[in-house]
PDB file of N, CA and C in Angstrom:
ATOM      1  N   UNK A   1      -8.857  -5.982   3.039  1.00  0.00           N
ATOM      2  CA  UNK A   1      -8.239  -7.238   2.701  1.00  0.00           C
ATOM      3  C   UNK A   1      -8.183  -8.081   3.964  1.00  0.00           C
ATOM      4  N   UNK A   2      -8.779  -9.236   3.935  1.00  0.00           N
ATOM      5  CA  UNK A   2      -8.753 -10.176   5.053  1.00  0.00           C
ATOM      6  C   UNK A   2      -7.727 -11.264   4.771  1.00  0.00           C
ATOM      7  N   UNK A   3      -6.860 -11.514   5.757  1.00  0.00           N
ATOM      8  CA  UNK A   3      -5.877 -12.591   5.634  1.00  0.00           C
ATOM      9  C   UNK A   3      -5.817 -13.367   6.939  1.00  0.00           C
ATOM     10  N   UNK A   4      -5.385 -14.590   6.832  1.00  0.00           N
ATOM     11  CA  UNK A   4      -5.260 -15.436   8.022  1.00  0.00           C
ATOM     12  C   UNK A   4      -3.864 -15.285   8.629  1.00  0.00           C
ATOM     13  N   UNK A   5      -3.470 -14.040   8.830  1.00  0.00           N
ATOM     14  CA  UNK A   5      -2.176 -13.711   9.436  1.00  0.00           C
ATOM     15  C   UNK A   5      -2.399 -12.636  10.493  1.00  0.00           C
ATOM     16  N   UNK A   6      -1.539 -12.613  11.497  1.00  0.00           N
ATOM     17  CA  UNK A   6      -1.679 -11.650  12.584  1.00  0.00           C
ATOM     18  C   UNK A   6      -1.417 -10.222  12.098  1.00  0.00           C
ATOM     19  N   UNK A   7      -1.864  -9.280  12.897  1.00  0.00           N
ATOM     20  CA  UNK A   7      -1.627  -7.877  12.555  1.00  0.00           C
ATOM     21  C   UNK A   7      -0.123  -7.580  12.511  1.00  0.00           C
ATOM     22  N   UNK A   8       0.664  -8.200  13.386  1.00  0.00           N
ATOM     23  CA  UNK A   8       2.111  -7.967  13.374  1.00  0.00           C
ATOM     24  C   UNK A   8       2.751  -8.439  12.075  1.00  0.00           C
ATOM     25  N   UNK A   9       2.353  -9.606  11.605  1.00  0.00           N
ATOM     26  CA  UNK A   9       2.916 -10.127  10.352  1.00  0.00           C
ATOM     27  C   UNK A   9       2.530  -9.235   9.181  1.00  0.00           C
ATOM     28  N   UNK A  10       1.289  -8.812   9.129  1.00  0.00           N
ATOM     29  CA  UNK A  10       0.839  -7.941   8.033  1.00  0.00           C
ATOM     30  C   UNK A  10       1.545  -6.594   8.104  1.00  0.00           C
ATOM     31  N   UNK A  11       1.676  -6.044   9.304  1.00  0.00           N
ATOM     32  CA  UNK A  11       2.375  -4.776   9.472  1.00  0.00           C
ATOM     33  C   UNK A  11       3.807  -4.885   8.953  1.00  0.00           C
ATOM     34  N   UNK A  12       4.518  -5.926   9.360  1.00  0.00           N
ATOM     35  CA  UNK A  12       5.899  -6.132   8.909  1.00  0.00           C
ATOM     36  C   UNK A  12       5.971  -6.276   7.392  1.00  0.00           C
ATOM     37  N   UNK A  13       5.005  -6.980   6.814  1.00  0.00           N
ATOM     38  CA  UNK A  13       4.961  -7.180   5.369  1.00  0.00           C
ATOM     39  C   UNK A  13       4.903  -5.840   4.648  1.00  0.00           C
ATOM     40  N   UNK A  14       3.977  -4.970   5.049  1.00  0.00           N
ATOM     41  CA  UNK A  14       3.806  -3.690   4.362  1.00  0.00           C
ATOM     42  C   UNK A  14       4.847  -2.654   4.760  1.00  0.00           C
ATOM     43  N   UNK A  15       5.417  -2.786   5.941  1.00  0.00           N
ATOM     44  CA  UNK A  15       6.455  -1.854   6.361  1.00  0.00           C
ATOM     45  C   UNK A  15       7.697  -1.999   5.484  1.00  0.00           C
ATOM     46  N   UNK A  16       7.986  -3.213   5.026  1.00  0.00           N
ATOM     47  CA  UNK A  16       9.082  -3.447   4.081  1.00  0.00           C
ATOM     48  C   UNK A  16       8.503  -3.308   2.675  1.00  0.00           C
ATOM     49  N   UNK A  17       8.671  -2.152   2.085  1.00  0.00           N
ATOM     50  CA  UNK A  17       8.003  -1.871   0.811  1.00  0.00           C
ATOM     51  C   UNK A  17       8.446  -2.777  -0.335  1.00  0.00           C
ATOM     52  N   UNK A  18       9.570  -3.462  -0.208  1.00  0.00           N
ATOM     53  CA  UNK A  18       9.946  -4.433  -1.255  1.00  0.00           C
ATOM     54  C   UNK A  18       8.843  -5.476  -1.424  1.00  0.00           C
ATOM     55  N   UNK A  19       8.128  -5.798  -0.342  1.00  0.00           N
ATOM     56  CA  UNK A  19       7.044  -6.783  -0.421  1.00  0.00           C
ATOM     57  C   UNK A  19       5.874  -6.310  -1.276  1.00  0.00           C
ATOM     58  N   UNK A  20       5.745  -5.010  -1.454  1.00  0.00           N
ATOM     59  CA  UNK A  20       4.634  -4.462  -2.225  1.00  0.00           C
ATOM     60  C   UNK A  20       4.722  -4.890  -3.695  1.00  0.00           C
ATOM     61  N   UNK A  21       5.913  -5.267  -4.149  1.00  0.00           N
ATOM     62  CA  UNK A  21       6.058  -5.755  -5.524  1.00  0.00           C
ATOM     63  C   UNK A  21       5.174  -6.964  -5.794  1.00  0.00           C
ATOM     64  N   UNK A  22       4.849  -7.727  -4.755  1.00  0.00           N
ATOM     65  CA  UNK A  22       4.020  -8.926  -4.951  1.00  0.00           C
ATOM     66  C   UNK A  22       2.601  -8.579  -5.412  1.00  0.00           C
ATOM     67  N   UNK A  23       2.221  -7.310  -5.343  1.00  0.00           N
ATOM     68  CA  UNK A  23       0.920  -6.886  -5.859  1.00  0.00           C
ATOM     69  C   UNK A  23       0.889  -6.808  -7.374  1.00  0.00           C
ATOM     70  N   UNK A  24       2.069  -6.774  -7.995  1.00  0.00           N
ATOM     71  CA  UNK A  24       2.154  -6.820  -9.448  1.00  0.00           C
ATOM     72  C   UNK A  24       2.149  -5.478 -10.158  1.00  0.00           C
ATOM     73  N   UNK A  25       1.956  -4.376  -9.458  1.00  0.00           N
ATOM     74  CA  UNK A  25       1.896  -3.072 -10.109  1.00  0.00           C
ATOM     75  C   UNK A  25       3.214  -2.314  -9.944  1.00  0.00           C
ATOM     76  N   UNK A  26       3.770  -2.303  -8.746  1.00  0.00           N
ATOM     77  CA  UNK A  26       5.022  -1.601  -8.474  1.00  0.00           C
ATOM     78  C   UNK A  26       6.185  -2.526  -8.794  1.00  0.00           C
ATOM     79  N   UNK A  27       7.170  -2.000  -9.510  1.00  0.00           N
ATOM     80  CA  UNK A  27       8.337  -2.799  -9.919  1.00  0.00           C
ATOM     81  C   UNK A  27       9.623  -2.084  -9.524  1.00  0.00           C
ATOM     82  N   UNK A  28      10.669  -2.856  -9.306  1.00  0.00           N
ATOM     83  CA  UNK A  28      12.009  -2.321  -9.052  1.00  0.00           C
ATOM     84  C   UNK A  28      12.034  -1.348  -7.881  1.00  0.00           C
ATOM     85  N   UNK A  29      11.453  -1.736  -6.760  1.00  0.00           N
ATOM     86  CA  UNK A  29      11.388  -0.871  -5.588  1.00  0.00           C
ATOM     87  C   UNK A  29      12.765  -0.790  -4.932  1.00  0.00           C
ATOM     88  N   UNK A  30      13.216   0.440  -4.712  1.00  0.00           N
ATOM     89  CA  UNK A  30      14.485   0.676  -4.034  1.00  0.00           C
ATOM     90  C   UNK A  30      14.304   1.762  -2.980  1.00  0.00           C
ATOM     91  N   UNK A  31      15.070   1.647  -1.917  1.00  0.00           N
ATOM     92  CA  UNK A  31      15.034   2.655  -0.861  1.00  0.00           C
ATOM     93  C   UNK A  31      15.797   3.874  -1.348  1.00  0.00           C
ATOM     94  N   UNK A  32      15.159   5.030  -1.285  1.00  0.00           N
ATOM     95  CA  UNK A  32      15.787   6.285  -1.681  1.00  0.00           C
ATOM     96  C   UNK A  32      16.259   7.056  -0.465  1.00  0.00           C
ATOM     97  N   UNK A  33      16.241   8.363  -0.589  1.00  0.00           N
ATOM     98  CA  UNK A  33      16.698   9.239   0.488  1.00  0.00           C
ATOM     99  C   UNK A  33      15.530   9.721   1.341  1.00  0.00           C
ATOM    100  N   UNK A  34      15.834  10.094   2.580  1.00  0.00           N
ATOM    101  CA  UNK A  34      14.860  10.692   3.497  1.00  0.00           C
ATOM    102  C   UNK A  34      13.605   9.846   3.698  1.00  0.00           C
ATOM    103  N   UNK A  35      13.760   8.516   3.673  1.00  0.00           N
ATOM    104  CA  UNK A  35      12.634   7.630   3.923  1.00  0.00           C
ATOM    105  C   UNK A  35      11.757   7.339   2.721  1.00  0.00           C
ATOM    106  N   UNK A  36      12.062   7.898   1.571  1.00  0.00           N
ATOM    107  CA  UNK A  36      11.278   7.646   0.359  1.00  0.00           C
ATOM    108  C   UNK A  36      11.724   6.345  -0.296  1.00  0.00           C
ATOM    109  N   UNK A  37      10.764   5.622  -0.845  1.00  0.00           N
ATOM    110  CA  UNK A  37      11.026   4.439  -1.653  1.00  0.00           C
ATOM    111  C   UNK A  37      10.654   4.792  -3.088  1.00  0.00           C
ATOM    112  N   UNK A  38      11.505   4.414  -4.039  1.00  0.00           N
ATOM    113  CA  UNK A  38      11.264   4.723  -5.449  1.00  0.00           C
ATOM    114  C   UNK A  38      10.971   3.436  -6.203  1.00  0.00           C
ATOM    115  N   UNK A  39      10.138   3.548  -7.247  1.00  0.00           N
ATOM    116  CA  UNK A  39       9.757   2.366  -8.020  1.00  0.00           C
ATOM    117  C   UNK A  39       9.140   2.783  -9.339  1.00  0.00           C
ATOM    118  N   UNK A  40       8.908   1.795 -10.177  1.00  0.00           N
ATOM    119  CA  UNK A  40       8.251   2.012 -11.464  1.00  0.00           C
ATOM    120  C   UNK A  40       6.827   1.492 -11.399  1.00  0.00           C
ATOM    121  N   UNK A  41       5.937   2.194 -12.074  1.00  0.00           N
ATOM    122  CA  UNK A  41       4.544   1.786 -12.204  1.00  0.00           C
ATOM    123  C   UNK A  41       4.196   1.813 -13.684  1.00  0.00           C
ATOM    124  N   UNK A  42       3.033   1.283 -14.080  1.00  0.00           N
ATOM    125  CA  UNK A  42       2.641   1.385 -15.489  1.00  0.00           C
ATOM    126  C   UNK A  42       2.571   2.836 -15.981  1.00  0.00           C
ATOM    127  N   UNK A  43       2.370   3.800 -15.075  1.00  0.00           N
ATOM    128  CA  UNK A  43       2.282   5.214 -15.458  1.00  0.00           C
ATOM    129  C   UNK A  43       3.637   5.927 -15.392  1.00  0.00           C
ATOM    130  N   UNK A  44       4.701   5.216 -14.985  1.00  0.00           N
ATOM    131  CA  UNK A  44       6.017   5.833 -14.907  1.00  0.00           C
ATOM    132  C   UNK A  44       6.613   5.733 -13.514  1.00  0.00           C
ATOM    133  N   UNK A  45       7.626   6.564 -13.268  1.00  0.00           N
ATOM    134  CA  UNK A  45       8.307   6.538 -11.978  1.00  0.00           C
ATOM    135  C   UNK A  45       7.412   7.132 -10.894  1.00  0.00           C
ATOM    136  N   UNK A  46       7.565   6.591  -9.671  1.00  0.00           N
ATOM    137  CA  UNK A  46       6.783   7.072  -8.538  1.00  0.00           C
ATOM    138  C   UNK A  46       7.609   6.879  -7.273  1.00  0.00           C
ATOM    139  N   UNK A  47       7.087   7.427  -6.171  1.00  0.00           N
ATOM    140  CA  UNK A  47       7.753   7.236  -4.888  1.00  0.00           C
ATOM    141  C   UNK A  47       6.708   7.216  -3.787  1.00  0.00           C
ATOM    142  N   UNK A  48       7.113   6.626  -2.657  1.00  0.00           N
ATOM    143  CA  UNK A  48       6.214   6.466  -1.528  1.00  0.00           C
ATOM    144  C   UNK A  48       7.013   6.635  -0.247  1.00  0.00           C
ATOM    145  N   UNK A  49       6.386   7.271   0.741  1.00  0.00           N
ATOM    146  CA  UNK A  49       7.034   7.448   2.035  1.00  0.00           C
ATOM    147  C   UNK A  49       6.021   7.153   3.129  1.00  0.00           C
ATOM    148  N   UNK A  50       6.399   6.269   4.037  1.00  0.00           N
ATOM    149  CA  UNK A  50       5.560   6.009   5.211  1.00  0.00           C
ATOM    150  C   UNK A  50       5.759   7.189   6.150  1.00  0.00           C
ATOM    151  N   UNK A  51       4.668   7.908   6.426  1.00  0.00           N
ATOM    152  CA  UNK A  51       4.820   9.091   7.261  1.00  0.00           C
ATOM    153  C   UNK A  51       4.226   8.939   8.657  1.00  0.00           C
ATOM    154  N   UNK A  52       3.542   7.829   8.898  1.00  0.00           N
ATOM    155  CA  UNK A  52       3.065   7.546  10.256  1.00  0.00           C
ATOM    156  C   UNK A  52       2.941   6.037  10.405  1.00  0.00           C
ATOM    157  N   UNK A  53       3.767   5.475  11.282  1.00  0.00           N
ATOM    158  CA  UNK A  53       3.751   4.037  11.529  1.00  0.00           C
ATOM    159  C   UNK A  53       3.646   3.799  13.028  1.00  0.00           C
ATOM    160  N   UNK A  54       2.538   3.196  13.449  1.00  0.00           N
ATOM    161  CA  UNK A  54       2.321   2.871  14.858  1.00  0.00           C
ATOM    162  C   UNK A  54       1.877   1.411  14.922  1.00  0.00           C
ATOM    163  N   UNK A  55       2.834   0.523  15.137  1.00  0.00           N
ATOM    164  CA  UNK A  55       2.576  -0.922  15.115  1.00  0.00           C
ATOM    165  C   UNK A  55       1.457  -1.320  16.087  1.00  0.00           C
ATOM    166  N   UNK A  56       1.494  -0.794  17.305  1.00  0.00           N
ATOM    167  CA  UNK A  56       0.523  -1.189  18.326  1.00  0.00           C
ATOM    168  C   UNK A  56      -0.918  -0.872  17.924  1.00  0.00           C
ATOM    169  N   UNK A  57      -1.085   0.147  17.103  1.00  0.00           N
ATOM    170  CA  UNK A  57      -2.427   0.554  16.654  1.00  0.00           C
ATOM    171  C   UNK A  57      -2.733   0.112  15.224  1.00  0.00           C
ATOM    172  N   UNK A  58      -1.768  -0.516  14.562  1.00  0.00           N
ATOM    173  CA  UNK A  58      -1.978  -0.970  13.186  1.00  0.00           C
ATOM    174  C   UNK A  58      -2.074   0.166  12.189  1.00  0.00           C
ATOM    175  N   UNK A  59      -1.364   1.263  12.444  1.00  0.00           N
ATOM    176  CA  UNK A  59      -1.393   2.434  11.562  1.00  0.00           C
ATOM    177  C   UNK A  59      -0.149   2.431  10.691  1.00  0.00           C
ATOM    178  N   UNK A  60      -0.354   2.552   9.390  1.00  0.00           N
ATOM    179  CA  UNK A  60       0.759   2.579   8.438  1.00  0.00           C
ATOM    180  C   UNK A  60       0.413   3.547   7.303  1.00  0.00           C
ATOM    181  N   UNK A  61       0.300   4.822   7.644  1.00  0.00           N
ATOM    182  CA  UNK A  61      -0.096   5.847   6.683  1.00  0.00           C
ATOM    183  C   UNK A  61       1.087   6.235   5.808  1.00  0.00           C
ATOM    184  N   UNK A  62       0.774   6.628   4.581  1.00  0.00           N
ATOM    185  CA  UNK A  62       1.847   7.001   3.675  1.00  0.00           C
ATOM    186  C   UNK A  62       1.412   8.045   2.654  1.00  0.00           C
ATOM    187  N   UNK A  63       2.420   8.604   1.995  1.00  0.00           N
ATOM    188  CA  UNK A  63       2.229   9.538   0.894  1.00  0.00           C
ATOM    189  C   UNK A  63       2.755   8.856  -0.353  1.00  0.00           C
ATOM    190  N   UNK A  64       1.962   8.890  -1.410  1.00  0.00           N
ATOM    191  CA  UNK A  64       2.346   8.326  -2.706  1.00  0.00           C
ATOM    192  C   UNK A  64       2.410   9.470  -3.701  1.00  0.00           C
ATOM    193  N   UNK A  65       3.518   9.560  -4.437  1.00  0.00           N
ATOM    194  CA  UNK A  65       3.684  10.600  -5.445  1.00  0.00           C
ATOM    195  C   UNK A  65       3.978   9.912  -6.769  1.00  0.00           C
ATOM    196  N   UNK A  66       3.105  10.130  -7.743  1.00  0.00           N
ATOM    197  CA  UNK A  66       3.302   9.527  -9.054  1.00  0.00           C
ATOM    198  C   UNK A  66       2.353  10.107 -10.080  1.00  0.00           C
ATOM    199  N   UNK A  67       2.782  10.122 -11.321  1.00  0.00           N
ATOM    200  CA  UNK A  67       1.962  10.601 -12.438  1.00  0.00           C
ATOM    201  C   UNK A  67       1.454  12.025 -12.180  1.00  0.00           C
ATOM    202  N   UNK A  68       2.294  12.835 -11.527  1.00  0.00           N
ATOM    203  CA  UNK A  68       1.944  14.216 -11.262  1.00  0.00           C
ATOM    204  C   UNK A  68       0.958  14.429 -10.131  1.00  0.00           C
ATOM    205  N   UNK A  69       0.670  13.390  -9.373  1.00  0.00           N
ATOM    206  CA  UNK A  69      -0.310  13.478  -8.292  1.00  0.00           C
ATOM    207  C   UNK A  69       0.321  13.127  -6.954  1.00  0.00           C
ATOM    208  N   UNK A  70      -0.228  13.712  -5.899  1.00  0.00           N
ATOM    209  CA  UNK A  70       0.181  13.389  -4.530  1.00  0.00           C
ATOM    210  C   UNK A  70      -1.030  12.789  -3.824  1.00  0.00           C
ATOM    211  N   UNK A  71      -0.878  11.570  -3.368  1.00  0.00           N
ATOM    212  CA  UNK A  71      -1.950  10.845  -2.689  1.00  0.00           C
ATOM    213  C   UNK A  71      -1.634  10.702  -1.209  1.00  0.00           C
ATOM    214  N   UNK A  72      -2.575  11.030  -0.351  1.00  0.00           N
ATOM    215  CA  UNK A  72      -2.500  10.715   1.069  1.00  0.00           C
ATOM    216  C   UNK A  72      -3.259   9.413   1.259  1.00  0.00           C
ATOM    217  N   UNK A  73      -2.610   8.417   1.836  1.00  0.00           N
ATOM    218  CA  UNK A  73      -3.237   7.106   2.006  1.00  0.00           C
ATOM    219  C   UNK A  73      -3.146   6.712   3.480  1.00  0.00           C
ATOM    220  N   UNK A  74      -4.296   6.352   4.034  1.00  0.00           N
ATOM    221  CA  UNK A  74      -4.378   5.989   5.447  1.00  0.00           C
ATOM    222  C   UNK A  74      -4.669   4.497   5.540  1.00  0.00           C
ATOM    223  N   UNK A  75      -3.760   3.763   6.174  1.00  0.00           N
ATOM    224  CA  UNK A  75      -3.849   2.309   6.245  1.00  0.00           C
ATOM    225  C   UNK A  75      -4.058   1.888   7.698  1.00  0.00           C
ATOM    226  N   UNK A  76      -5.015   0.974   7.886  1.00  0.00           N
ATOM    227  CA  UNK A  76      -5.274   0.425   9.211  1.00  0.00           C
ATOM    228  C   UNK A  76      -5.273  -1.097   9.121  1.00  0.00           C
ATOM    229  N   UNK A  77      -4.578  -1.710  10.064  1.00  0.00           N
ATOM    230  CA  UNK A  77      -4.500  -3.166  10.150  1.00  0.00           C
ATOM    231  C   UNK A  77      -5.090  -3.546  11.497  1.00  0.00           C
ATOM    232  N   UNK A  78      -6.207  -4.249  11.472  1.00  0.00           N
ATOM    233  CA  UNK A  78      -6.903  -4.584  12.716  1.00  0.00           C
ATOM    234  C   UNK A  78      -7.108  -6.092  12.803  1.00  0.00           C
ATOM    235  N   UNK A  79      -7.135  -6.626  14.031  1.00  0.00           N
ATOM    236  CA  UNK A  79      -7.369  -8.059  14.182  1.00  0.00           C
ATOM    237  C   UNK A  79      -8.821  -8.406  13.856  1.00  0.00           C
ATOM    238  N   UNK A  80      -9.016  -9.613  13.358  1.00  0.00           N
ATOM    239  CA  UNK A  80     -10.367 -10.158  13.208  1.00  0.00           C
ATOM    240  C   UNK A  80     -10.360 -11.574  13.792  1.00  0.00           C
ATOM    241  N   UNK A  81     -11.437 -12.293  13.666  1.00  0.00           N
ATOM    242  CA  UNK A  81     -11.541 -13.607  14.307  1.00  0.00           C
ATOM    243  C   UNK A  81     -10.605 -14.651  13.715  1.00  0.00           C
ATOM    244  N   UNK A  82     -10.118 -14.416  12.489  1.00  0.00           N
ATOM    245  CA  UNK A  82      -9.313 -15.438  11.808  1.00  0.00           C
ATOM    246  C   UNK A  82      -7.942 -14.922  11.371  1.00  0.00           C
ATOM    247  N   UNK A  83      -7.550 -13.749  11.808  1.00  0.00           N
ATOM    248  CA  UNK A  83      -6.283 -13.159  11.390  1.00  0.00           C
ATOM    249  C   UNK A  83      -6.356 -11.650  11.499  1.00  0.00           C
ATOM    250  N   UNK A  84      -6.370 -10.984  10.343  1.00  0.00           N
ATOM    251  CA  UNK A  84      -6.451  -9.524  10.362  1.00  0.00           C
ATOM    252  C   UNK A  84      -7.117  -8.991   9.101  1.00  0.00           C
ATOM    253  N   UNK A  85      -7.568  -7.754   9.218  1.00  0.00           N
ATOM    254  CA  UNK A  85      -8.176  -7.021   8.110  1.00  0.00           C
ATOM    255  C   UNK A  85      -7.381  -5.741   7.902  1.00  0.00           C
ATOM    256  N   UNK A  86      -6.992  -5.500   6.655  1.00  0.00           N
ATOM    257  CA  UNK A  86      -6.282  -4.272   6.307  1.00  0.00           C
ATOM    258  C   UNK A  86      -7.207  -3.434   5.438  1.00  0.00           C
ATOM    259  N   UNK A  87      -7.307  -2.149   5.786  1.00  0.00           N
ATOM    260  CA  UNK A  87      -8.131  -1.238   4.976  1.00  0.00           C
ATOM    261  C   UNK A  87      -7.291  -0.031   4.591  1.00  0.00           C
ATOM    262  N   UNK A  88      -7.585   0.480   3.405  1.00  0.00           N
ATOM    263  CA  UNK A  88      -6.914   1.656   2.867  1.00  0.00           C
ATOM    264  C   UNK A  88      -7.962   2.727   2.623  1.00  0.00           C
ATOM    265  N   UNK A  89      -7.662   3.940   3.068  1.00  0.00           N
ATOM    266  CA  UNK A  89      -8.511   5.091   2.768  1.00  0.00           C
ATOM    267  C   UNK A  89      -7.684   6.037   1.915  1.00  0.00           C
ATOM    268  N   UNK A  90      -8.165   6.307   0.716  1.00  0.00           N
ATOM    269  CA  UNK A  90      -7.476   7.183  -0.223  1.00  0.00           C
ATOM    270  C   UNK A  90      -8.166   8.543  -0.239  1.00  0.00           C
ATOM    271  N   UNK A  91      -7.400   9.597  -0.085  1.00  0.00           N
ATOM    272  CA  UNK A  91      -7.926  10.941  -0.215  1.00  0.00           C
ATOM    273  C   UNK A  91      -7.687  11.377  -1.657  1.00  0.00           C
ATOM    274  N   UNK A  92      -8.763  11.766  -2.334  1.00  0.00           N
ATOM    275  CA  UNK A  92      -8.655  12.131  -3.750  1.00  0.00           C
ATOM    276  C   UNK A  92      -7.716  13.326  -3.919  1.00  0.00           C
ATOM    277  N   UNK A  93      -6.692  13.163  -4.757  1.00  0.00           N
ATOM    278  CA  UNK A  93      -5.768  14.274  -4.994  1.00  0.00           C
ATOM    279  C   UNK A  93      -6.466  15.442  -5.694  1.00  0.00           C
ATOM    280  N   UNK A  94      -5.984  16.643  -5.405  1.00  0.00           N
ATOM    281  CA  UNK A  94      -6.475  17.809  -6.127  1.00  0.00           C
ATOM    282  C   UNK A  94      -6.239  17.609  -7.616  1.00  0.00           C
ATOM    283  N   UNK A  95      -7.176  18.027  -8.408  1.00  0.00           N
ATOM    284  CA  UNK A  95      -7.026  17.924  -9.854  1.00  0.00           C
ATOM    285  C   UNK A  95      -7.700  16.704 -10.466  1.00  0.00           C
ATOM    286  N   UNK A  96      -8.230  15.799  -9.648  1.00  0.00           N
ATOM    287  CA  UNK A  96      -8.939  14.631 -10.170  1.00  0.00           C
ATOM    288  C   UNK A  96     -10.429  14.767  -9.873  1.00  0.00           C
ATOM    289  N   UNK A  97     -11.253  14.514 -10.888  1.00  0.00           N
ATOM    290  CA  UNK A  97     -12.689  14.448 -10.602  1.00  0.00           C
ATOM    291  C   UNK A  97     -13.019  13.025 -10.142  1.00  0.00           C
ATOM    292  N   UNK A  98     -14.275  12.783  -9.789  1.00  0.00           N
ATOM    293  CA  UNK A  98     -14.658  11.474  -9.250  1.00  0.00           C
ATOM    294  C   UNK A  98     -14.362  10.339 -10.223  1.00  0.00           C
ATOM    295  N   UNK A  99     -14.647  10.544 -11.499  1.00  0.00           N
ATOM    296  CA  UNK A  99     -14.420   9.492 -12.496  1.00  0.00           C
ATOM    297  C   UNK A  99     -12.924   9.179 -12.618  1.00  0.00           C
ATOM    298  N   UNK A 100     -12.106  10.204 -12.689  1.00  0.00           N
ATOM    299  CA  UNK A 100     -10.659   9.999 -12.784  1.00  0.00           C
ATOM    300  C   UNK A 100     -10.120   9.301 -11.538  1.00  0.00           C
ATOM    301  N   UNK A 101     -10.657   9.666 -10.390  1.00  0.00           N
ATOM    302  CA  UNK A 101     -10.251   9.054  -9.123  1.00  0.00           C
ATOM    303  C   UNK A 101     -10.527   7.551  -9.159  1.00  0.00           C
ATOM    304  N   UNK A 102     -11.722   7.181  -9.582  1.00  0.00           N
ATOM    305  CA  UNK A 102     -12.076   5.757  -9.679  1.00  0.00           C
ATOM    306  C   UNK A 102     -11.184   5.034 -10.688  1.00  0.00           C
ATOM    307  N   UNK A 103     -10.883   5.667 -11.798  1.00  0.00           N
ATOM    308  CA  UNK A 103     -10.016   5.053 -12.802  1.00  0.00           C
ATOM    309  C   UNK A 103      -8.614   4.810 -12.252  1.00  0.00           C
ATOM    310  N   UNK A 104      -8.108   5.772 -11.474  1.00  0.00           N
ATOM    311  CA  UNK A 104      -6.776   5.631 -10.887  1.00  0.00           C
ATOM    312  C   UNK A 104      -6.711   4.448  -9.923  1.00  0.00           C
ATOM    313  N   UNK A 105      -7.821   4.156  -9.266  1.00  0.00           N
ATOM    314  CA  UNK A 105      -7.842   3.075  -8.266  1.00  0.00           C
ATOM    315  C   UNK A 105      -8.258   1.719  -8.840  1.00  0.00           C
ATOM    316  N   UNK A 106      -8.527   1.661 -10.139  1.00  0.00           N
ATOM    317  CA  UNK A 106      -9.042   0.440 -10.746  1.00  0.00           C
ATOM    318  C   UNK A 106      -8.126  -0.767 -10.537  1.00  0.00           C
ATOM    319  N   UNK A 107      -6.832  -0.579 -10.553  1.00  0.00           N
ATOM    320  CA  UNK A 107      -5.902  -1.706 -10.426  1.00  0.00           C
ATOM    321  C   UNK A 107      -5.663  -2.109  -8.976  1.00  0.00           C
ATOM    322  N   UNK A 108      -6.213  -1.369  -8.028  1.00  0.00           N
ATOM    323  CA  UNK A 108      -5.920  -1.654  -6.624  1.00  0.00           C
ATOM    324  C   UNK A 108      -6.410  -3.036  -6.202  1.00  0.00           C
ATOM    325  N   UNK A 109      -7.545  -3.492  -6.721  1.00  0.00           N
ATOM    326  CA  UNK A 109      -8.041  -4.834  -6.395  1.00  0.00           C
ATOM    327  C   UNK A 109      -7.051  -5.910  -6.828  1.00  0.00           C
ATOM    328  N   UNK A 110      -6.406  -5.697  -7.965  1.00  0.00           N
ATOM    329  CA  UNK A 110      -5.394  -6.653  -8.439  1.00  0.00           C
ATOM    330  C   UNK A 110      -4.226  -6.695  -7.453  1.00  0.00           C
ATOM    331  N   UNK A 111      -3.811  -5.521  -6.998  1.00  0.00           N
ATOM    332  CA  UNK A 111      -2.708  -5.462  -6.040  1.00  0.00           C
ATOM    333  C   UNK A 111      -3.048  -6.185  -4.747  1.00  0.00           C
ATOM    334  N   UNK A 112      -4.228  -5.927  -4.207  1.00  0.00           N
ATOM    335  CA  UNK A 112      -4.574  -6.552  -2.929  1.00  0.00           C
ATOM    336  C   UNK A 112      -4.643  -8.068  -3.056  1.00  0.00           C
ATOM    337  N   UNK A 113      -5.089  -8.564  -4.177  1.00  0.00           N
ATOM    338  CA  UNK A 113      -5.097 -10.021  -4.374  1.00  0.00           C
ATOM    339  C   UNK A 113      -3.675 -10.582  -4.366  1.00  0.00           C
ATOM    340  N   UNK A 114      -2.760  -9.889  -5.018  1.00  0.00           N
ATOM    341  CA  UNK A 114      -1.363 -10.321  -5.015  1.00  0.00           C
ATOM    342  C   UNK A 114      -0.758 -10.291  -3.624  1.00  0.00           C
ATOM    343  N   UNK A 115      -1.059  -9.242  -2.865  1.00  0.00           N
ATOM    344  CA  UNK A 115      -0.534  -9.144  -1.496  1.00  0.00           C
ATOM    345  C   UNK A 115      -1.111 -10.239  -0.615  1.00  0.00           C
ATOM    346  N   UNK A 116      -2.391 -10.502  -0.786  1.00  0.00           N
ATOM    347  CA  UNK A 116      -3.039 -11.546   0.026  1.00  0.00           C
ATOM    348  C   UNK A 116      -2.396 -12.906  -0.258  1.00  0.00           C
ATOM    349  N   UNK A 117      -2.193 -13.216  -1.520  1.00  0.00           N
ATOM    350  CA  UNK A 117      -1.557 -14.486  -1.880  1.00  0.00           C
ATOM    351  C   UNK A 117      -0.151 -14.579  -1.301  1.00  0.00           C
ATOM    352  N   UNK A 118       0.609 -13.496  -1.393  1.00  0.00           N
ATOM    353  CA  UNK A 118       1.966 -13.501  -0.861  1.00  0.00           C
ATOM    354  C   UNK A 118       1.967 -13.686   0.659  1.00  0.00           C
ATOM    355  N   UNK A 119       1.103 -12.987   1.334  1.00  0.00           N
ATOM    356  CA  UNK A 119       1.036 -13.108   2.795  1.00  0.00           C
ATOM    357  C   UNK A 119       0.631 -14.506   3.227  1.00  0.00           C
ATOM    358  N   UNK A 120      -0.353 -15.073   2.571  1.00  0.00           N
ATOM    359  CA  UNK A 120      -0.862 -16.367   3.013  1.00  0.00           C
ATOM    360  C   UNK A 120       0.019 -17.532   2.572  1.00  0.00           C
ATOM    361  N   UNK A 121       0.877 -17.318   1.602  1.00  0.00           N
ATOM    362  CA  UNK A 121       1.718 -18.427   1.139  1.00  0.00           C
ATOM    363  C   UNK A 121       3.115 -18.413   1.753  1.00  0.00           C
ATOM    364  N   UNK A 122       3.602 -17.255   2.163  1.00  0.00           N
ATOM    365  CA  UNK A 122       4.989 -17.191   2.616  1.00  0.00           C
ATOM    366  C   UNK A 122       5.157 -16.773   4.060  1.00  0.00           C
ATOM    367  N   UNK A 123       4.143 -16.259   4.689  1.00  0.00           N
ATOM    368  CA  UNK A 123       4.324 -15.763   6.062  1.00  0.00           C
ATOM    369  C   UNK A 123       3.518 -16.571   7.045  1.00  0.00           C
TER     370      UNK A 123
END
C-alpha cells in the first residue's frame, strides 16, 4: 500500500488498532488483556496482538486469531519517494490449502483501500 504519508504517521496509524476499523472489515475493536485487541469480523469474533514493533525499522508484526485459525503477519513500513509503502506478509496457517488461503485473503484489498483513504484524508 503506497500512501503520501511518512513512515512515522503510518506506523502510528496501525499501532493504534482502533484505526484498523477504517478498513471496513474489523468492527467494535476494543483493547483486551495482555496486549490483545478484540473485535468482530464477518466470520465472528477475533483478536490481534502486536508482537514485534520497531518504529525505527518500520516493523509492526502481529498475530491474528480468528475463525479457528492463527495467522502470523509480518508488516513492514518503508519510505518511498512520495511518502511510504506498507507491505504485509501472511504465513499460511496450518490446516488451509492454497485455495482456502487465497479465499481468506480476498477481502484484504478492500481493507487496504479503506486504510489508504483514511490515512490520506485525516493524517
